[in-house]
Amino acid sequence: MAESISLVVTGLKCGGCESNVNTQLNKIEGVITVNASTKENKVEVTFDSSKTNVAAISQAISDAGYVVD
């Protein structure tokens, strides 16, 4: 089942940051869409909850060097 979440993320400063987060999250099986926004310091993710979860998504963002608030 598809779920959508919106996470506040600290450290998104440029288009390269957006691209980095998008790339890392799209590597996770079950992630359907990703929209990282430096303007809003937010990452919106739609994912298949039978294949991944919020904890895995948050961890991938942290592993990429950003802080999930």
N, C-alpha and C. Protein backbone atom coordinates (compact mmCIF):
# COMPACT_ATOMS: atom_id res chain seq x y z
N MET A 1 0.83 -1.18 0.00
CA MET A 1 0.00 0.00 0.00
C MET A 1 0.88 1.24 0.00
N ALA A 2 0.55 2.21 -0.83
CA ALA A 2 1.34 3.43 -0.94
C ALA A 2 1.02 4.38 0.22
N GLU A 3 2.08 4.93 0.78
CA GLU A 3 1.98 5.94 1.83
C GLU A 3 2.80 7.14 1.42
N SER A 4 2.42 8.30 1.92
CA SER A 4 3.20 9.52 1.67
C SER A 4 3.58 10.13 3.01
N ILE A 5 4.83 10.61 3.08
CA ILE A 5 5.30 11.29 4.28
C ILE A 5 6.00 12.58 3.87
N SER A 6 6.06 13.50 4.79
CA SER A 6 6.79 14.76 4.60
C SER A 6 7.70 14.91 5.80
N LEU A 7 9.01 14.96 5.55
CA LEU A 7 10.00 15.05 6.62
C LEU A 7 10.71 16.40 6.56
N VAL A 8 10.88 17.04 7.71
CA VAL A 8 11.67 18.26 7.79
C VAL A 8 13.13 17.83 7.87
N VAL A 9 13.95 18.37 6.96
CA VAL A 9 15.35 17.96 6.86
C VAL A 9 16.25 19.19 6.92
N THR A 10 17.22 19.17 7.83
CA THR A 10 18.18 20.24 7.98
C THR A 10 19.42 19.92 7.16
N GLY A 11 19.96 20.93 6.50
CA GLY A 11 21.21 20.76 5.75
C GLY A 11 21.04 20.80 4.25
N LEU A 12 19.80 20.88 3.77
CA LEU A 12 19.58 21.00 2.33
C LEU A 12 19.87 22.44 1.93
N LYS A 13 20.96 22.66 1.19
CA LYS A 13 21.39 24.02 0.89
C LYS A 13 21.38 24.38 -0.59
N CYS A 14 21.35 23.37 -1.47
CA CYS A 14 21.44 23.67 -2.90
C CYS A 14 20.79 22.57 -3.73
N GLY A 15 20.77 22.79 -5.02
CA GLY A 15 20.22 21.79 -5.92
C GLY A 15 20.97 20.47 -5.86
N GLY A 16 22.26 20.54 -5.58
CA GLY A 16 23.05 19.32 -5.44
C GLY A 16 22.60 18.50 -4.24
N CYS A 17 22.22 19.19 -3.18
CA CYS A 17 21.68 18.49 -1.99
C CYS A 17 20.38 17.79 -2.33
N GLU A 18 19.51 18.50 -3.06
CA GLU A 18 18.24 17.90 -3.49
C GLU A 18 18.51 16.65 -4.32
N SER A 19 19.42 16.77 -5.26
CA SER A 19 19.76 15.65 -6.14
C SER A 19 20.33 14.48 -5.35
N ASN A 20 21.20 14.78 -4.39
CA ASN A 20 21.81 13.73 -3.57
C ASN A 20 20.74 12.95 -2.80
N VAL A 21 19.81 13.67 -2.15
CA VAL A 21 18.75 13.01 -1.40
C VAL A 21 17.86 12.19 -2.34
N ASN A 22 17.49 12.78 -3.47
CA ASN A 22 16.66 12.05 -4.44
C ASN A 22 17.34 10.76 -4.87
N THR A 23 18.62 10.83 -5.19
CA THR A 23 19.37 9.65 -5.64
C THR A 23 19.42 8.58 -4.56
N GLN A 24 19.74 8.98 -3.33
CA GLN A 24 19.85 8.01 -2.23
C GLN A 24 18.52 7.33 -1.94
N LEU A 25 17.46 8.11 -1.92
CA LEU A 25 16.16 7.52 -1.59
C LEU A 25 15.62 6.66 -2.72
N ASN A 26 15.91 7.01 -3.94
CA ASN A 26 15.44 6.20 -5.07
C ASN A 26 16.15 4.85 -5.15
N LYS A 27 17.23 4.67 -4.39
CA LYS A 27 17.92 3.38 -4.32
C LYS A 27 17.16 2.38 -3.43
N ILE A 28 16.25 2.88 -2.61
CA ILE A 28 15.53 2.03 -1.67
C ILE A 28 14.37 1.35 -2.39
N GLU A 29 14.34 0.03 -2.29
CA GLU A 29 13.23 -0.70 -2.89
C GLU A 29 11.93 -0.28 -2.23
N GLY A 30 10.95 0.07 -3.03
CA GLY A 30 9.65 0.48 -2.51
C GLY A 30 9.40 1.97 -2.55
N VAL A 31 10.47 2.76 -2.75
CA VAL A 31 10.28 4.21 -2.88
C VAL A 31 9.71 4.49 -4.26
N ILE A 32 8.61 5.22 -4.29
CA ILE A 32 7.91 5.50 -5.55
C ILE A 32 8.27 6.87 -6.08
N THR A 33 8.15 7.91 -5.25
CA THR A 33 8.53 9.26 -5.65
C THR A 33 9.25 9.96 -4.51
N VAL A 34 10.13 10.90 -4.88
CA VAL A 34 10.86 11.71 -3.91
C VAL A 34 10.85 13.15 -4.40
N ASN A 35 10.59 14.07 -3.50
CA ASN A 35 10.68 15.48 -3.83
C ASN A 35 11.38 16.19 -2.68
N ALA A 36 12.67 16.50 -2.87
CA ALA A 36 13.44 17.22 -1.87
C ALA A 36 13.40 18.70 -2.22
N SER A 37 13.16 19.55 -1.23
CA SER A 37 13.06 20.98 -1.46
C SER A 37 13.97 21.75 -0.51
N THR A 38 14.98 22.44 -1.06
CA THR A 38 15.85 23.28 -0.23
C THR A 38 15.08 24.50 0.28
N LYS A 39 14.16 24.97 -0.52
CA LYS A 39 13.39 26.16 -0.16
C LYS A 39 12.55 25.92 1.09
N GLU A 40 11.99 24.73 1.21
CA GLU A 40 11.12 24.41 2.34
C GLU A 40 11.80 23.54 3.39
N ASN A 41 13.07 23.13 3.14
CA ASN A 41 13.77 22.20 4.04
C ASN A 41 12.91 20.98 4.33
N LYS A 42 12.39 20.41 3.25
CA LYS A 42 11.45 19.31 3.38
C LYS A 42 11.74 18.25 2.32
N VAL A 43 11.50 17.00 2.68
CA VAL A 43 11.58 15.90 1.73
C VAL A 43 10.24 15.17 1.79
N GLU A 44 9.57 15.10 0.65
CA GLU A 44 8.31 14.37 0.55
C GLU A 44 8.57 13.07 -0.18
N VAL A 45 8.09 11.97 0.38
CA VAL A 45 8.35 10.65 -0.17
C VAL A 45 7.05 9.86 -0.23
N THR A 46 6.80 9.23 -1.37
CA THR A 46 5.72 8.27 -1.50
C THR A 46 6.39 6.91 -1.63
N PHE A 47 5.92 5.94 -0.84
CA PHE A 47 6.58 4.64 -0.82
C PHE A 47 5.57 3.53 -0.59
N ASP A 48 5.98 2.32 -0.95
CA ASP A 48 5.18 1.12 -0.72
C ASP A 48 5.52 0.60 0.67
N SER A 49 4.58 0.71 1.59
CA SER A 49 4.84 0.35 2.98
C SER A 49 5.05 -1.15 3.20
N SER A 50 4.79 -1.95 2.18
CA SER A 50 5.07 -3.38 2.31
C SER A 50 6.53 -3.69 1.97
N LYS A 51 7.25 -2.69 1.43
CA LYS A 51 8.64 -2.90 1.02
C LYS A 51 9.65 -2.07 1.81
N THR A 52 9.22 -0.94 2.37
CA THR A 52 10.12 -0.09 3.15
C THR A 52 9.30 0.66 4.19
N ASN A 53 9.99 1.45 5.02
CA ASN A 53 9.30 2.17 6.08
C ASN A 53 9.96 3.52 6.35
N VAL A 54 9.34 4.30 7.21
CA VAL A 54 9.83 5.64 7.52
C VAL A 54 11.23 5.58 8.13
N ALA A 55 11.49 4.61 8.98
CA ALA A 55 12.81 4.49 9.61
C ALA A 55 13.91 4.30 8.57
N ALA A 56 13.67 3.46 7.57
CA ALA A 56 14.68 3.23 6.52
C ALA A 56 14.89 4.48 5.69
N ILE A 57 13.82 5.20 5.42
CA ILE A 57 13.92 6.44 4.64
C ILE A 57 14.70 7.49 5.43
N SER A 58 14.37 7.65 6.69
CA SER A 58 15.07 8.60 7.55
C SER A 58 16.55 8.25 7.67
N GLN A 59 16.85 6.96 7.81
CA GLN A 59 18.24 6.52 7.92
C GLN A 59 19.02 6.84 6.65
N ALA A 60 18.41 6.65 5.49
CA ALA A 60 19.08 6.94 4.22
C ALA A 60 19.38 8.43 4.10
N ILE A 61 18.47 9.27 4.57
CA ILE A 61 18.71 10.72 4.55
C ILE A 61 19.86 11.06 5.48
N SER A 62 19.88 10.47 6.67
CA SER A 62 20.98 10.69 7.63
C SER A 62 22.30 10.20 7.06
N ASP A 63 22.29 9.03 6.43
CA ASP A 63 23.50 8.47 5.83
C ASP A 63 24.04 9.36 4.72
N ALA A 64 23.14 10.12 4.08
CA ALA A 64 23.56 11.04 3.01
C ALA A 64 24.14 12.34 3.57
N GLY A 65 24.07 12.51 4.89
CA GLY A 65 24.69 13.68 5.52
C GLY A 65 23.75 14.77 5.97
N TYR A 66 22.47 14.48 6.04
CA TYR A 66 21.48 15.48 6.43
C TYR A 66 20.79 15.05 7.71
N VAL A 67 20.14 15.99 8.37
CA VAL A 67 19.50 15.71 9.65
C VAL A 67 17.99 15.74 9.48
N VAL A 68 17.33 14.64 9.85
CA VAL A 68 15.87 14.58 9.84
C VAL A 68 15.39 15.08 11.19
N ASP A 69 14.62 16.16 11.16
CA ASP A 69 14.12 16.78 12.41
C ASP A 69 12.82 16.16 12.86
